[in-house]
C-alpha atoms as a PDB file:
ATOM      1  CA  MET A   1       0.000   0.000   0.000  1.00  0.00           C
ATOM      2  CA  ARG A   2       1.232   3.454  -0.853  1.00  0.00           C
ATOM      3  CA  VAL A   3       0.284   6.876   0.509  1.00  0.00           C
ATOM      4  CA  SER A   4      -1.074   7.766  -2.918  1.00  0.00           C
ATOM      5  CA  ASP A   5      -3.560   4.884  -2.546  1.00  0.00           C
ATOM      6  CA  ILE A   6      -5.287   6.572   0.397  1.00  0.00           C
ATOM      7  CA  SER A   7      -7.000   9.760  -0.703  1.00  0.00           C
ATOM      8  CA  GLU A   8      -7.588  10.972   2.881  1.00  0.00           C
ATOM      9  CA  ILE A   9      -3.858  11.186   3.501  1.00  0.00           C
ATOM     10  CA  LYS A  10      -3.394  13.522   0.567  1.00  0.00           C
ATOM     11  CA  LYS A  11      -5.829  15.937   2.228  1.00  0.00           C
ATOM     12  CA  MET A  12      -4.001  15.973   5.558  1.00  0.00           C
ATOM     13  CA  SER A  13      -1.719  18.774   6.672  1.00  0.00           C
ATOM     14  CA  THR A  14       1.927  18.027   7.393  1.00  0.00           C
ATOM     15  CA  PRO A  15       1.436  18.104  11.193  1.00  0.00           C
ATOM     16  CA  GLU A  16      -1.481  15.673  10.826  1.00  0.00           C
ATOM     17  CA  LYS A  17       0.660  13.372   8.703  1.00  0.00           C
ATOM     18  CA  ILE A  18       3.423  13.460  11.319  1.00  0.00           C
ATOM     19  CA  LEU A  19       0.958  12.469  14.031  1.00  0.00           C
ATOM     20  CA  LEU A  20      -0.301   9.647  11.823  1.00  0.00           C
ATOM     21  CA  VAL A  21       3.232   8.364  11.292  1.00  0.00           C
ATOM     22  CA  GLU A  22       3.887   8.525  15.044  1.00  0.00           C
ATOM     23  CA  ASP A  23       0.717   6.533  15.714  1.00  0.00           C
ATOM     24  CA  LEU A  24       1.668   3.968  13.078  1.00  0.00           C
ATOM     25  CA  TRP A  25       5.163   3.621  14.528  1.00  0.00           C
ATOM     26  CA  ASP A  26       3.773   3.202  18.045  1.00  0.00           C
ATOM     27  CA  SER A  27       1.436   0.455  16.841  1.00  0.00           C
ATOM     28  CA  ILE A  28       4.377  -1.362  15.226  1.00  0.00           C
ATOM     29  CA  ALA A  29       6.546  -0.986  18.321  1.00  0.00           C
ATOM     30  CA  MET A  30       3.859  -2.509  20.542  1.00  0.00           C
ATOM     31  CA  ASP A  31       4.657  -5.956  19.146  1.00  0.00           C
ATOM     32  CA  GLU A  32       8.335  -5.939  18.287  1.00  0.00           C
ATOM     33  CA  SER A  33       8.303  -9.703  17.749  1.00  0.00           C
ATOM     34  CA  GLU A  34       6.659  -8.967  14.401  1.00  0.00           C
ATOM     35  CA  VAL A  35       9.567  -6.773  13.262  1.00  0.00           C
ATOM     36  CA  PRO A  36      12.166  -8.876  11.462  1.00  0.00           C
ATOM     37  CA  VAL A  37      15.841  -8.344  12.257  1.00  0.00           C
ATOM     38  CA  SER A  38      18.290  -9.320   9.547  1.00  0.00           C
ATOM     39  CA  GLN A  39      21.032 -11.841  10.216  1.00  0.00           C
ATOM     40  CA  SER A  40      23.704  -9.221   9.511  1.00  0.00           C
ATOM     41  CA  HIS A  41      22.242  -6.949  12.197  1.00  0.00           C
ATOM     42  CA  MET A  42      22.148  -9.800  14.700  1.00  0.00           C
ATOM     43  CA  GLU A  43      25.787 -10.622  13.909  1.00  0.00           C
ATOM     44  CA  GLU A  44      26.803  -6.988  14.413  1.00  0.00           C
ATOM     45  CA  LEU A  45      24.980  -6.841  17.754  1.00  0.00           C
ATOM     46  CA  ASP A  46      26.708 -10.040  18.878  1.00  0.00           C
ATOM     47  CA  LYS A  47      30.091  -8.648  17.832  1.00  0.00           C
ATOM     48  CA  ARG A  48      29.513  -5.422  19.766  1.00  0.00           C
ATOM     49  CA  ARG A  49      28.249  -7.275  22.851  1.00  0.00           C
ATOM     50  CA  LYS A  50      31.333  -9.517  22.866  1.00  0.00           C
ATOM     51  CA  ARG A  51      33.630  -6.495  22.474  1.00  0.00           C
ATOM     52  CA  TYR A  52      31.888  -4.793  25.421  1.00  0.00           C
ATOM     53  CA  GLU A  53      32.053  -7.918  27.584  1.00  0.00           C
ATOM     54  CA  ALA A  54      35.786  -8.235  26.858  1.00  0.00           C
ATOM     55  CA  ALA A  55      36.513  -4.653  27.951  1.00  0.00           C
ATOM     56  CA  PRO A  56      33.478  -3.012  29.622  1.00  0.00           C
ATOM     57  CA  GLY A  57      35.580  -0.099  30.878  1.00  0.00           C
ATOM     58  CA  ASP A  58      36.499   1.031  27.364  1.00  0.00           C
ATOM     59  CA  LEU A  59      33.216   2.860  26.783  1.00  0.00           C
ATOM     60  CA  LEU A  60      33.135   6.614  26.211  1.00  0.00           C
ATOM     61  CA  SER A  61      31.079   8.935  28.341  1.00  0.00           C
ATOM     62  CA  PHE A  62      28.631  11.179  26.524  1.00  0.00           C
ATOM     63  CA  ALA A  63      30.934  14.157  27.119  1.00  0.00           C
ATOM     64  CA  GLU A  64      33.920  12.272  25.655  1.00  0.00           C
ATOM     65  CA  LEU A  65      31.880  11.319  22.610  1.00  0.00           C
ATOM     66  CA  GLN A  66      30.835  14.939  22.080  1.00  0.00           C
ATOM     67  CA  ILE A  67      34.477  16.073  22.240  1.00  0.00           C
ATOM     68  CA  ARG A  68      35.514  13.482  19.644  1.00  0.00           C
ATOM     69  CA  ILE A  69      32.693  14.525  17.339  1.00  0.00           C
ATOM     70  CA  GLU A  70      33.622  18.198  17.664  1.00  0.00           C
ATOM     71  CA  ARG A  71      37.259  17.423  16.846  1.00  0.00           C
ATOM     72  CA  ARG A  72      36.206  15.882  13.512  1.00  0.00           C
ATOM     73  CA  LYS A  73      34.495  19.046  12.329  1.00  0.00           C
END
C-alpha cells in the first residue's frame, strides 16, 4: 500500500501526517516480535556485545563522545 492509494492522507496537513506516522510507529513498536531483524544486524549486535564484555571499561562517556565529534568538524 502506498500513501497515494489513500486519498484521505493527501488531504491531511503536514502536522497531521506526522501524528499519523507517530501513531503507526507506536502500533508497530507494541509488538516488536513482528519486526524482522536481519542476520547481519544480529551478527553486528553479537560482535559489539562480545567487544563490550571483553573490555566493559572502554566505553566513552557522553561528554567524551561529544568532544571526539567536535574534533572531527
